[in-house]
Amino acid sequence: MNPIIAILKEHDVSDAKINELFQALTQNPLMAMSIVGQLGIPAEKLQQLMALVMQNPALIKEAVVELGLDFSKVEAAKAQLQQ
């Protein structure tokens, strides 16, 4: 299991919420950050999660693929943010 998804499940985040989070990530990364804030994960775990993603950004792609979502949408959202 992808470590990002594992951390979310460790904090009792439902599969539906995980899918919602990654769906938002593929469409609007700023909205995804809002959803993360609503999950009730302690700050120290969020910092651990962010460090994990910063050290290995490919984990996001792995999680998106594992959930059956379209990673090209993540790339498009990322390009839009960089403009």
PDB file of N, CA and C in Angstrom:
ATOM      1  N   MET A   1       0.846  -1.185   0.000  1.00  0.00           N
ATOM      2  CA  MET A   1       0.000   0.000   0.000  1.00  0.00           C
ATOM      3  C   MET A   1       0.886   1.241   0.000  1.00  0.00           C
ATOM      4  N   ASN A   2       0.448   2.214  -0.730  1.00  0.00           N
ATOM      5  CA  ASN A   2       1.157   3.497  -0.807  1.00  0.00           C
ATOM      6  C   ASN A   2       1.259   4.109   0.594  1.00  0.00           C
ATOM      7  N   PRO A   3       2.440   4.626   0.974  1.00  0.00           N
ATOM      8  CA  PRO A   3       2.616   5.183   2.321  1.00  0.00           C
ATOM      9  C   PRO A   3       1.705   6.370   2.639  1.00  0.00           C
ATOM     10  N   ILE A   4       1.345   7.155   1.634  1.00  0.00           N
ATOM     11  CA  ILE A   4       0.428   8.274   1.870  1.00  0.00           C
ATOM     12  C   ILE A   4      -0.934   7.719   2.270  1.00  0.00           C
ATOM     13  N   ILE A   5      -1.410   6.754   1.512  1.00  0.00           N
ATOM     14  CA  ILE A   5      -2.708   6.146   1.813  1.00  0.00           C
ATOM     15  C   ILE A   5      -2.642   5.434   3.157  1.00  0.00           C
ATOM     16  N   ALA A   6      -1.528   4.780   3.454  1.00  0.00           N
ATOM     17  CA  ALA A   6      -1.378   4.077   4.732  1.00  0.00           C
ATOM     18  C   ALA A   6      -1.482   5.038   5.913  1.00  0.00           C
ATOM     19  N   ILE A   7      -0.850   6.193   5.825  1.00  0.00           N
ATOM     20  CA  ILE A   7      -0.923   7.177   6.905  1.00  0.00           C
ATOM     21  C   ILE A   7      -2.354   7.674   7.065  1.00  0.00           C
ATOM     22  N   LEU A   8      -3.030   7.918   5.968  1.00  0.00           N
ATOM     23  CA  LEU A   8      -4.419   8.374   6.037  1.00  0.00           C
ATOM     24  C   LEU A   8      -5.302   7.314   6.693  1.00  0.00           C
ATOM     25  N   LYS A   9      -5.129   6.055   6.300  1.00  0.00           N
ATOM     26  CA  LYS A   9      -5.924   4.975   6.882  1.00  0.00           C
ATOM     27  C   LYS A   9      -5.585   4.784   8.360  1.00  0.00           C
ATOM     28  N   GLU A  10      -4.322   4.995   8.713  1.00  0.00           N
ATOM     29  CA  GLU A  10      -3.888   4.880  10.105  1.00  0.00           C
ATOM     30  C   GLU A  10      -4.659   5.863  10.994  1.00  0.00           C
ATOM     31  N   HIS A  11      -5.130   6.952  10.395  1.00  0.00           N
ATOM     32  CA  HIS A  11      -5.877   7.962  11.141  1.00  0.00           C
ATOM     33  C   HIS A  11      -7.379   7.873  10.851  1.00  0.00           C
ATOM     34  N   ASP A  12      -7.803   6.668  10.482  1.00  0.00           N
ATOM     35  CA  ASP A  12      -9.219   6.365  10.267  1.00  0.00           C
ATOM     36  C   ASP A  12      -9.891   7.240   9.215  1.00  0.00           C
ATOM     37  N   VAL A  13      -9.133   7.628   8.200  1.00  0.00           N
ATOM     38  CA  VAL A  13      -9.719   8.354   7.070  1.00  0.00           C
ATOM     39  C   VAL A  13     -10.362   7.295   6.168  1.00  0.00           C
ATOM     40  N   SER A  14     -11.633   7.485   5.876  1.00  0.00           N
ATOM     41  CA  SER A  14     -12.369   6.496   5.085  1.00  0.00           C
ATOM     42  C   SER A  14     -11.858   6.448   3.641  1.00  0.00           C
ATOM     43  N   ASP A  15     -12.150   5.327   2.989  1.00  0.00           N
ATOM     44  CA  ASP A  15     -11.776   5.186   1.577  1.00  0.00           C
ATOM     45  C   ASP A  15     -12.432   6.284   0.743  1.00  0.00           C
ATOM     46  N   ALA A  16     -13.681   6.617   1.087  1.00  0.00           N
ATOM     47  CA  ALA A  16     -14.392   7.662   0.345  1.00  0.00           C
ATOM     48  C   ALA A  16     -13.676   9.004   0.483  1.00  0.00           C
ATOM     49  N   LYS A  17     -13.210   9.329   1.703  1.00  0.00           N
ATOM     50  CA  LYS A  17     -12.505  10.595   1.924  1.00  0.00           C
ATOM     51  C   LYS A  17     -11.155  10.592   1.216  1.00  0.00           C
ATOM     52  N   ILE A  18     -10.477   9.453   1.217  1.00  0.00           N
ATOM     53  CA  ILE A  18      -9.183   9.347   0.527  1.00  0.00           C
ATOM     54  C   ILE A  18      -9.400   9.583  -0.972  1.00  0.00           C
ATOM     55  N   ASN A  19     -10.436   8.958  -1.525  1.00  0.00           N
ATOM     56  CA  ASN A  19     -10.738   9.160  -2.946  1.00  0.00           C
ATOM     57  C   ASN A  19     -11.095  10.615  -3.213  1.00  0.00           C
ATOM     58  N   GLU A  20     -11.880  11.219  -2.320  1.00  0.00           N
ATOM     59  CA  GLU A  20     -12.257  12.624  -2.474  1.00  0.00           C
ATOM     60  C   GLU A  20     -11.019  13.519  -2.457  1.00  0.00           C
ATOM     61  N   LEU A  21     -10.105  13.224  -1.549  1.00  0.00           N
ATOM     62  CA  LEU A  21      -8.875  14.012  -1.435  1.00  0.00           C
ATOM     63  C   LEU A  21      -8.057  13.932  -2.724  1.00  0.00           C
ATOM     64  N   PHE A  22      -7.838  12.735  -3.215  1.00  0.00           N
ATOM     65  CA  PHE A  22      -7.015  12.595  -4.419  1.00  0.00           C
ATOM     66  C   PHE A  22      -7.751  13.064  -5.670  1.00  0.00           C
ATOM     67  N   GLN A  23      -9.072  12.944  -5.683  1.00  0.00           N
ATOM     68  CA  GLN A  23      -9.852  13.494  -6.795  1.00  0.00           C
ATOM     69  C   GLN A  23      -9.680  15.011  -6.811  1.00  0.00           C
ATOM     70  N   ALA A  24      -9.763  15.634  -5.623  1.00  0.00           N
ATOM     71  CA  ALA A  24      -9.564  17.086  -5.530  1.00  0.00           C
ATOM     72  C   ALA A  24      -8.144  17.446  -5.963  1.00  0.00           C
ATOM     73  N   LEU A  25      -7.186  16.621  -5.581  1.00  0.00           N
ATOM     74  CA  LEU A  25      -5.790  16.879  -5.954  1.00  0.00           C
ATOM     75  C   LEU A  25      -5.625  16.890  -7.466  1.00  0.00           C
ATOM     76  N   THR A  26      -6.363  16.019  -8.150  1.00  0.00           N
ATOM     77  CA  THR A  26      -6.242  15.957  -9.610  1.00  0.00           C
ATOM     78  C   THR A  26      -6.943  17.124 -10.292  1.00  0.00           C
ATOM     79  N   GLN A  27      -7.874  17.779  -9.573  1.00  0.00           N
ATOM     80  CA  GLN A  27      -8.635  18.861 -10.193  1.00  0.00           C
ATOM     81  C   GLN A  27      -8.251  20.240  -9.676  1.00  0.00           C
ATOM     82  N   ASN A  28      -8.032  20.334  -8.372  1.00  0.00           N
ATOM     83  CA  ASN A  28      -7.762  21.625  -7.756  1.00  0.00           C
ATOM     84  C   ASN A  28      -6.933  21.412  -6.497  1.00  0.00           C
ATOM     85  N   PRO A  29      -5.607  21.471  -6.609  1.00  0.00           N
ATOM     86  CA  PRO A  29      -4.735  21.201  -5.455  1.00  0.00           C
ATOM     87  C   PRO A  29      -5.031  22.080  -4.235  1.00  0.00           C
ATOM     88  N   LEU A  30      -5.483  23.304  -4.446  1.00  0.00           N
ATOM     89  CA  LEU A  30      -5.799  24.156  -3.303  1.00  0.00           C
ATOM     90  C   LEU A  30      -6.996  23.603  -2.535  1.00  0.00           C
ATOM     91  N   MET A  31      -7.957  23.053  -3.245  1.00  0.00           N
ATOM     92  CA  MET A  31      -9.099  22.425  -2.580  1.00  0.00           C
ATOM     93  C   MET A  31      -8.648  21.197  -1.798  1.00  0.00           C
ATOM     94  N   ALA A  32      -7.686  20.475  -2.348  1.00  0.00           N
ATOM     95  CA  ALA A  32      -7.166  19.292  -1.653  1.00  0.00           C
ATOM     96  C   ALA A  32      -6.569  19.687  -0.306  1.00  0.00           C
ATOM     97  N   MET A  33      -5.891  20.818  -0.261  1.00  0.00           N
ATOM     98  CA  MET A  33      -5.317  21.274   1.003  1.00  0.00           C
ATOM     99  C   MET A  33      -6.419  21.575   2.011  1.00  0.00           C
ATOM    100  N   SER A  34      -7.525  22.096   1.552  1.00  0.00           N
ATOM    101  CA  SER A  34      -8.668  22.368   2.428  1.00  0.00           C
ATOM    102  C   SER A  34      -9.219  21.062   2.994  1.00  0.00           C
ATOM    103  N   ILE A  35      -9.315  20.049   2.158  1.00  0.00           N
ATOM    104  CA  ILE A  35      -9.820  18.740   2.598  1.00  0.00           C
ATOM    105  C   ILE A  35      -8.873  18.135   3.630  1.00  0.00           C
ATOM    106  N   VAL A  36      -7.561  18.249   3.398  1.00  0.00           N
ATOM    107  CA  VAL A  36      -6.580  17.725   4.347  1.00  0.00           C
ATOM    108  C   VAL A  36      -6.795  18.352   5.722  1.00  0.00           C
ATOM    109  N   GLY A  37      -7.080  19.646   5.738  1.00  0.00           N
ATOM    110  CA  GLY A  37      -7.305  20.342   7.005  1.00  0.00           C
ATOM    111  C   GLY A  37      -8.528  19.847   7.759  1.00  0.00           C
ATOM    112  N   GLN A  38      -9.467  19.241   7.049  1.00  0.00           N
ATOM    113  CA  GLN A  38     -10.702  18.759   7.663  1.00  0.00           C
ATOM    114  C   GLN A  38     -10.618  17.304   8.130  1.00  0.00           C
ATOM    115  N   LEU A  39      -9.510  16.645   7.872  1.00  0.00           N
ATOM    116  CA  LEU A  39      -9.407  15.216   8.175  1.00  0.00           C
ATOM    117  C   LEU A  39      -9.132  14.921   9.647  1.00  0.00           C
ATOM    118  N   GLY A  40      -8.708  15.930  10.388  1.00  0.00           N
ATOM    119  CA  GLY A  40      -8.450  15.724  11.811  1.00  0.00           C
ATOM    120  C   GLY A  40      -7.158  14.992  12.113  1.00  0.00           C
ATOM    121  N   ILE A  41      -6.218  15.053  11.201  1.00  0.00           N
ATOM    122  CA  ILE A  41      -4.922  14.410  11.429  1.00  0.00           C
ATOM    123  C   ILE A  41      -4.061  15.362  12.247  1.00  0.00           C
ATOM    124  N   PRO A  42      -3.416  14.868  13.319  1.00  0.00           N
ATOM    125  CA  PRO A  42      -2.571  15.738  14.142  1.00  0.00           C
ATOM    126  C   PRO A  42      -1.461  16.413  13.321  1.00  0.00           C
ATOM    127  N   ALA A  43      -1.104  17.619  13.721  1.00  0.00           N
ATOM    128  CA  ALA A  43      -0.113  18.421  12.990  1.00  0.00           C
ATOM    129  C   ALA A  43       1.197  17.680  12.777  1.00  0.00           C
ATOM    130  N   GLU A  44       1.656  16.945  13.785  1.00  0.00           N
ATOM    131  CA  GLU A  44       2.939  16.249  13.638  1.00  0.00           C
ATOM    132  C   GLU A  44       2.864  15.151  12.578  1.00  0.00           C
ATOM    133  N   LYS A  45       1.708  14.504  12.439  1.00  0.00           N
ATOM    134  CA  LYS A  45       1.545  13.490  11.392  1.00  0.00           C
ATOM    135  C   LYS A  45       1.450  14.146  10.016  1.00  0.00           C
ATOM    136  N   LEU A  46       0.787  15.311   9.949  1.00  0.00           N
ATOM    137  CA  LEU A  46       0.730  16.037   8.677  1.00  0.00           C
ATOM    138  C   LEU A  46       2.118  16.458   8.243  1.00  0.00           C
ATOM    139  N   GLN A  47       2.938  16.891   9.197  1.00  0.00           N
ATOM    140  CA  GLN A  47       4.317  17.271   8.870  1.00  0.00           C
ATOM    141  C   GLN A  47       5.086  16.063   8.360  1.00  0.00           C
ATOM    142  N   GLN A  48       4.882  14.907   8.991  1.00  0.00           N
ATOM    143  CA  GLN A  48       5.535  13.671   8.555  1.00  0.00           C
ATOM    144  C   GLN A  48       5.082  13.321   7.139  1.00  0.00           C
ATOM    145  N   LEU A  49       3.786  13.465   6.877  1.00  0.00           N
ATOM    146  CA  LEU A  49       3.244  13.172   5.557  1.00  0.00           C
ATOM    147  C   LEU A  49       3.819  14.105   4.501  1.00  0.00           C
ATOM    148  N   MET A  50       3.880  15.393   4.826  1.00  0.00           N
ATOM    149  CA  MET A  50       4.429  16.373   3.880  1.00  0.00           C
ATOM    150  C   MET A  50       5.912  16.110   3.611  1.00  0.00           C
ATOM    151  N   ALA A  51       6.651  15.760   4.658  1.00  0.00           N
ATOM    152  CA  ALA A  51       8.075  15.451   4.479  1.00  0.00           C
ATOM    153  C   ALA A  51       8.242  14.241   3.569  1.00  0.00           C
ATOM    154  N   LEU A  52       7.393  13.260   3.754  1.00  0.00           N
ATOM    155  CA  LEU A  52       7.433  12.055   2.930  1.00  0.00           C
ATOM    156  C   LEU A  52       7.196  12.400   1.457  1.00  0.00           C
ATOM    157  N   VAL A  53       6.199  13.251   1.206  1.00  0.00           N
ATOM    158  CA  VAL A  53       5.874  13.661  -0.165  1.00  0.00           C
ATOM    159  C   VAL A  53       6.995  14.515  -0.759  1.00  0.00           C
ATOM    160  N   MET A  54       7.570  15.404   0.057  1.00  0.00           N
ATOM    161  CA  MET A  54       8.641  16.277  -0.453  1.00  0.00           C
ATOM    162  C   MET A  54       9.888  15.457  -0.796  1.00  0.00           C
ATOM    163  N   GLN A  55      10.166  14.415  -0.015  1.00  0.00           N
ATOM    164  CA  GLN A  55      11.331  13.574  -0.280  1.00  0.00           C
ATOM    165  C   GLN A  55      11.110  12.658  -1.476  1.00  0.00           C
ATOM    166  N   ASN A  56       9.859  12.294  -1.706  1.00  0.00           N
ATOM    167  CA  ASN A  56       9.562  11.364  -2.787  1.00  0.00           C
ATOM    168  C   ASN A  56       8.236  11.745  -3.454  1.00  0.00           C
ATOM    169  N   PRO A  57       8.250  12.771  -4.304  1.00  0.00           N
ATOM    170  CA  PRO A  57       7.015  13.229  -4.957  1.00  0.00           C
ATOM    171  C   PRO A  57       6.330  12.150  -5.800  1.00  0.00           C
ATOM    172  N   ALA A  58       7.052  11.135  -6.211  1.00  0.00           N
ATOM    173  CA  ALA A  58       6.462  10.055  -7.016  1.00  0.00           C
ATOM    174  C   ALA A  58       5.386   9.306  -6.229  1.00  0.00           C
ATOM    175  N   LEU A  59       5.390   9.443  -4.910  1.00  0.00           N
ATOM    176  CA  LEU A  59       4.375   8.776  -4.099  1.00  0.00           C
ATOM    177  C   LEU A  59       2.976   9.272  -4.442  1.00  0.00           C
ATOM    178  N   ILE A  60       2.869  10.536  -4.830  1.00  0.00           N
ATOM    179  CA  ILE A  60       1.556  11.068  -5.216  1.00  0.00           C
ATOM    180  C   ILE A  60       1.059  10.340  -6.458  1.00  0.00           C
ATOM    181  N   LYS A  61       1.948  10.198  -7.433  1.00  0.00           N
ATOM    182  CA  LYS A  61       1.556   9.487  -8.658  1.00  0.00           C
ATOM    183  C   LYS A  61       1.163   8.055  -8.331  1.00  0.00           C
ATOM    184  N   GLU A  62       1.939   7.389  -7.482  1.00  0.00           N
ATOM    185  CA  GLU A  62       1.635   6.009  -7.112  1.00  0.00           C
ATOM    186  C   GLU A  62       0.261   5.913  -6.446  1.00  0.00           C
ATOM    187  N   ALA A  63      -0.044   6.864  -5.551  1.00  0.00           N
ATOM    188  CA  ALA A  63      -1.333   6.851  -4.856  1.00  0.00           C
ATOM    189  C   ALA A  63      -2.476   7.090  -5.841  1.00  0.00           C
ATOM    190  N   VAL A  64      -2.292   8.043  -6.749  1.00  0.00           N
ATOM    191  CA  VAL A  64      -3.323   8.349  -7.741  1.00  0.00           C
ATOM    192  C   VAL A  64      -3.588   7.121  -8.606  1.00  0.00           C
ATOM    193  N   VAL A  65      -2.531   6.460  -9.053  1.00  0.00           N
ATOM    194  CA  VAL A  65      -2.674   5.264  -9.882  1.00  0.00           C
ATOM    195  C   VAL A  65      -3.330   4.139  -9.076  1.00  0.00           C
ATOM    196  N   GLU A  66      -2.893   3.976  -7.812  1.00  0.00           N
ATOM    197  CA  GLU A  66      -3.463   2.937  -6.954  1.00  0.00           C
ATOM    198  C   GLU A  66      -4.971   3.127  -6.766  1.00  0.00           C
ATOM    199  N   LEU A  67      -5.398   4.375  -6.714  1.00  0.00           N
ATOM    200  CA  LEU A  67      -6.820   4.677  -6.537  1.00  0.00           C
ATOM    201  C   LEU A  67      -7.593   4.663  -7.860  1.00  0.00           C
ATOM    202  N   GLY A  68      -6.876   4.460  -8.961  1.00  0.00           N
ATOM    203  CA  GLY A  68      -7.534   4.375 -10.261  1.00  0.00           C
ATOM    204  C   GLY A  68      -7.913   5.722 -10.852  1.00  0.00           C
ATOM    205  N   LEU A  69      -7.216   6.775 -10.445  1.00  0.00           N
ATOM    206  CA  LEU A  69      -7.501   8.111 -10.971  1.00  0.00           C
ATOM    207  C   LEU A  69      -6.544   8.442 -12.109  1.00  0.00           C
ATOM    208  N   ASP A  70      -6.789   9.538 -12.778  1.00  0.00           N
ATOM    209  CA  ASP A  70      -6.016   9.952 -13.948  1.00  0.00           C
ATOM    210  C   ASP A  70      -4.892  10.897 -13.536  1.00  0.00           C
ATOM    211  N   PHE A  71      -3.643  10.423 -13.576  1.00  0.00           N
ATOM    212  CA  PHE A  71      -2.514  11.237 -13.146  1.00  0.00           C
ATOM    213  C   PHE A  71      -2.261  12.417 -14.065  1.00  0.00           C
ATOM    214  N   SER A  72      -2.677  12.332 -15.323  1.00  0.00           N
ATOM    215  CA  SER A  72      -2.455  13.461 -16.232  1.00  0.00           C
ATOM    216  C   SER A  72      -3.175  14.709 -15.726  1.00  0.00           C
ATOM    217  N   LYS A  73      -4.266  14.522 -14.985  1.00  0.00           N
ATOM    218  CA  LYS A  73      -4.980  15.661 -14.415  1.00  0.00           C
ATOM    219  C   LYS A  73      -4.151  16.330 -13.320  1.00  0.00           C
ATOM    220  N   VAL A  74      -3.380  15.542 -12.585  1.00  0.00           N
ATOM    221  CA  VAL A  74      -2.479  16.104 -11.568  1.00  0.00           C
ATOM    222  C   VAL A  74      -1.442  16.988 -12.251  1.00  0.00           C
ATOM    223  N   GLU A  75      -0.876  16.494 -13.334  1.00  0.00           N
ATOM    224  CA  GLU A  75       0.121  17.261 -14.073  1.00  0.00           C
ATOM    225  C   GLU A  75      -0.477  18.551 -14.623  1.00  0.00           C
ATOM    226  N   ALA A  76      -1.707  18.486 -15.121  1.00  0.00           N
ATOM    227  CA  ALA A  76      -2.372  19.680 -15.659  1.00  0.00           C
ATOM    228  C   ALA A  76      -2.632  20.691 -14.547  1.00  0.00           C
ATOM    229  N   ALA A  77      -3.065  20.224 -13.378  1.00  0.00           N
ATOM    230  CA  ALA A  77      -3.312  21.117 -12.240  1.00  0.00           C
ATOM    231  C   ALA A  77      -2.009  21.753 -11.768  1.00  0.00           C
ATOM    232  N   LYS A  78      -0.945  20.973 -11.772  1.00  0.00           N
ATOM    233  CA  LYS A  78       0.367  21.479 -11.370  1.00  0.00           C
ATOM    234  C   LYS A  78       0.839  22.575 -12.326  1.00  0.00           C
ATOM    235  N   ALA A  79       0.655  22.366 -13.617  1.00  0.00           N
ATOM    236  CA  ALA A  79       1.052  23.362 -14.614  1.00  0.00           C
ATOM    237  C   ALA A  79       0.232  24.642 -14.457  1.00  0.00           C
ATOM    238  N   GLN A  80      -1.042  24.476 -14.152  1.00  0.00           N
ATOM    239  CA  GLN A  80      -1.907  25.633 -13.957  1.00  0.00           C
ATOM    240  C   GLN A  80      -1.465  26.451 -12.741  1.00  0.00           C
ATOM    241  N   LEU A  81      -1.038  25.780 -11.689  1.00  0.00           N
ATOM    242  CA  LEU A  81      -0.569  26.480 -10.486  1.00  0.00           C
ATOM    243  C   LEU A  81       0.725  27.242 -10.751  1.00  0.00           C
ATOM    244  N   GLN A  82       1.545  26.736 -11.651  1.00  0.00           N
ATOM    245  CA  GLN A  82       2.839  27.360 -11.924  1.00  0.00           C
ATOM    246  C   GLN A  82       2.704  28.597 -12.807  1.00  0.00           C
ATOM    247  N   GLN A  83       1.532  28.846 -13.373  1.00  0.00           N
ATOM    248  CA  GLN A  83       1.343  30.001 -14.260  1.00  0.00           C
ATOM    249  C   GLN A  83       1.105  31.253 -13.448  1.00  0.00           C
TER     250      GLN A  83
END
